[in-house]
Protein backbone atom coordinates (compact mmCIF):
# COMPACT_ATOMS: atom_id res chain seq x y z
CA MET A 1 0.07 0.46 -0.07
CA LEU A 2 1.38 3.31 -1.09
CA ARG A 3 -0.02 6.40 0.05
CA ARG A 4 -0.02 9.14 -2.48
CA ARG A 5 -2.28 12.67 -3.56
CA LYS A 6 -4.18 12.28 -5.99
CA ALA A 7 -2.70 13.81 -9.28
CA THR A 8 -5.70 15.39 -9.58
CA GLU A 9 -6.00 17.60 -6.73
CA GLY A 10 -5.30 20.67 -6.38
CA GLY A 11 -6.96 21.08 -9.58
CA GLY A 12 -5.60 21.46 -13.42
CA GLU A 13 -5.83 17.89 -15.90
CA PRO A 14 -3.29 15.02 -14.50
CA SER A 15 -0.04 14.46 -16.19
CA PRO A 16 -0.44 11.83 -19.33
CA ASP A 17 2.36 10.08 -17.25
CA ILE A 18 1.76 10.26 -13.56
CA ALA A 19 4.36 8.31 -12.47
CA ASP A 20 6.96 11.04 -13.92
CA TRP A 21 4.60 13.99 -12.80
CA LEU A 22 5.11 12.62 -9.12
CA ALA A 23 8.51 12.36 -9.33
CA HIS A 24 9.03 15.62 -10.38
CA ASP A 25 6.90 17.42 -7.84
CA ASP A 26 8.08 16.82 -4.40
CA THR A 27 4.81 17.40 -2.43
CA LEU A 28 2.46 14.69 -4.24
CA SER A 29 4.61 11.61 -3.18
CA GLY A 30 4.94 10.13 0.18
CA GLY A 31 3.51 7.87 2.35
CA TYR A 32 4.52 3.79 3.25
CA VAL A 33 5.00 0.63 1.06
CA PHE A 34 3.96 -2.42 3.17
CA THR A 35 5.34 -5.52 2.22
CA ALA A 36 3.95 -8.64 3.55
CA ASP A 37 5.61 -12.34 2.88
CA PRO A 38 3.48 -14.76 1.80
CA GLN A 39 5.09 -17.84 3.45
CA ALA A 40 4.20 -16.33 6.96
CA PRO A 41 2.52 -18.57 9.41
CA LEU A 42 -0.82 -17.39 10.37
CA ILE A 43 -1.50 -15.43 13.16
CA THR A 44 -5.06 -13.75 14.99
CA LEU A 45 -5.42 -12.12 18.08
CA SER A 46 -6.58 -14.15 20.64
CA ALA A 47 -8.51 -11.51 22.29
CA HIS A 48 -10.16 -8.05 20.93
CA ILE A 49 -8.19 -5.12 21.53
CA THR A 50 -9.24 -1.72 22.35
CA THR A 51 -8.44 2.22 20.76
CA HIS A 52 -6.59 2.51 24.52
CA SER A 53 -4.93 -1.00 24.71
CA ARG A 54 -0.98 -1.15 24.45
CA SER A 55 -0.12 -4.87 24.26
CA PHE A 56 -1.71 -7.78 22.27
CA GLN A 57 -2.62 -11.95 22.47
CA VAL A 58 -1.91 -13.86 19.28
CA SER A 59 -2.26 -17.30 18.22
CA VAL A 60 1.24 -17.90 18.17
CA PRO A 61 4.07 -18.84 21.35
CA PRO A 62 5.66 -15.18 22.18
CA GLN A 63 9.38 -15.69 20.98
CA GLU A 64 7.41 -15.97 17.31
CA LEU A 65 7.22 -12.15 17.42
CA PRO A 66 10.44 -10.92 17.21
CA ALA A 67 10.89 -7.44 18.95
CA GLY A 68 11.00 -4.36 16.44
CA GLN A 69 8.46 -6.54 13.70
CA CYS A 70 5.98 -4.85 12.47
CA TYR A 71 2.78 -6.17 11.71
CA LEU A 72 -0.86 -5.43 9.74
CA LEU A 73 -3.46 -6.39 12.21
CA GLY A 74 -6.39 -6.50 10.01
CA GLY A 75 -5.99 -5.37 6.18
CA PRO A 76 -7.97 -4.15 3.16
CA ASP A 77 -10.35 -7.25 2.75
CA GLU A 78 -10.78 -7.15 6.90
CA PRO A 79 -13.02 -4.99 8.79
CA THR A 80 -10.10 -3.25 10.97
CA CYS A 81 -6.23 -2.25 9.29
CA GLU A 82 -4.01 -0.93 11.61
CA VAL A 83 0.13 -0.88 11.31
CA VAL A 84 1.76 -1.72 14.79
CA GLN A 85 5.31 -3.01 16.20
CA VAL A 86 6.19 -5.05 19.01
CA GLU A 87 8.42 -3.50 21.48
CA PHE A 88 8.71 -6.69 23.08
CA ALA A 89 9.04 -10.31 21.96
CA VAL A 90 8.79 -12.19 25.36
CA PRO A 91 7.54 -9.81 28.19
CA GLU A 92 8.38 -10.60 31.96
CA PRO A 93 6.65 -13.62 33.29
CA GLY A 94 2.79 -12.20 33.92
CA GLU A 95 3.89 -9.05 32.03
CA PRO A 96 1.46 -8.24 28.44
CA ARG A 97 3.21 -8.65 24.86
CA LEU A 98 3.63 -4.15 24.60
CA ILE A 99 3.32 -2.63 21.41
CA ARG A 100 3.41 0.87 19.21
CA ARG A 101 0.09 2.06 17.56
CA ALA A 102 -0.21 4.86 15.39
CA MET A 103 2.43 4.57 13.37
CA PHE A 104 2.83 4.86 9.56
CA ASP A 105 -0.01 7.09 9.45
CA THR A 106 -2.09 4.73 10.54
CA VAL A 107 -5.36 5.05 12.86
CA VAL A 108 -5.57 3.35 16.52
CA MET A 109 -8.41 1.23 15.75
CA ASN A 110 -10.90 -1.71 18.19
CA HIS A 111 -9.76 -4.85 16.70
CA PRO A 112 -11.87 -8.36 17.73
CA ALA A 113 -10.04 -11.74 18.81
CA GLY A 114 -10.01 -14.06 15.39
CA THR A 115 -8.67 -10.89 13.46
CA LEU A 116 -5.68 -11.43 11.03
CA VAL A 117 -1.91 -10.56 12.54
CA THR A 118 0.51 -10.64 9.51
CA PRO A 119 4.20 -9.67 10.20
CA ILE A 120 5.12 -6.92 7.49
CA THR A 121 8.19 -5.39 6.26
CA VAL A 122 7.98 -1.16 6.02
CA GLU A 123 9.81 1.36 3.83
CA ARG A 124 8.99 4.92 3.02
CA PRO A 125 9.60 5.80 -0.67
CA GLU A 126 12.66 8.40 -1.65
């Protein structure tokens, strides 16, 4: 997913070659590219998380979620969609797995139990 302003924003006709047009106008480029590994194991949320949650439970052992890894909760074909980053892969005993939210211009949302959790890489195009 790459978020860019539409070529027609600001009035006027779009260029015949939008990629070339965007390359010449720095104010129209930006956003992030999220890439998922199609071979990644199926992971789901074990319990719902709310907009105020800073931790989550998933259907795989903690060591399978490395610290610093980004995840897409939900997705384009799901009712919810948000990118988060794991702060601690294996928390202290009895402590929840912490996450960073409201990252990469995605909005903190409520996500029901069973929501897909997809490991992704995040890049910011130049």
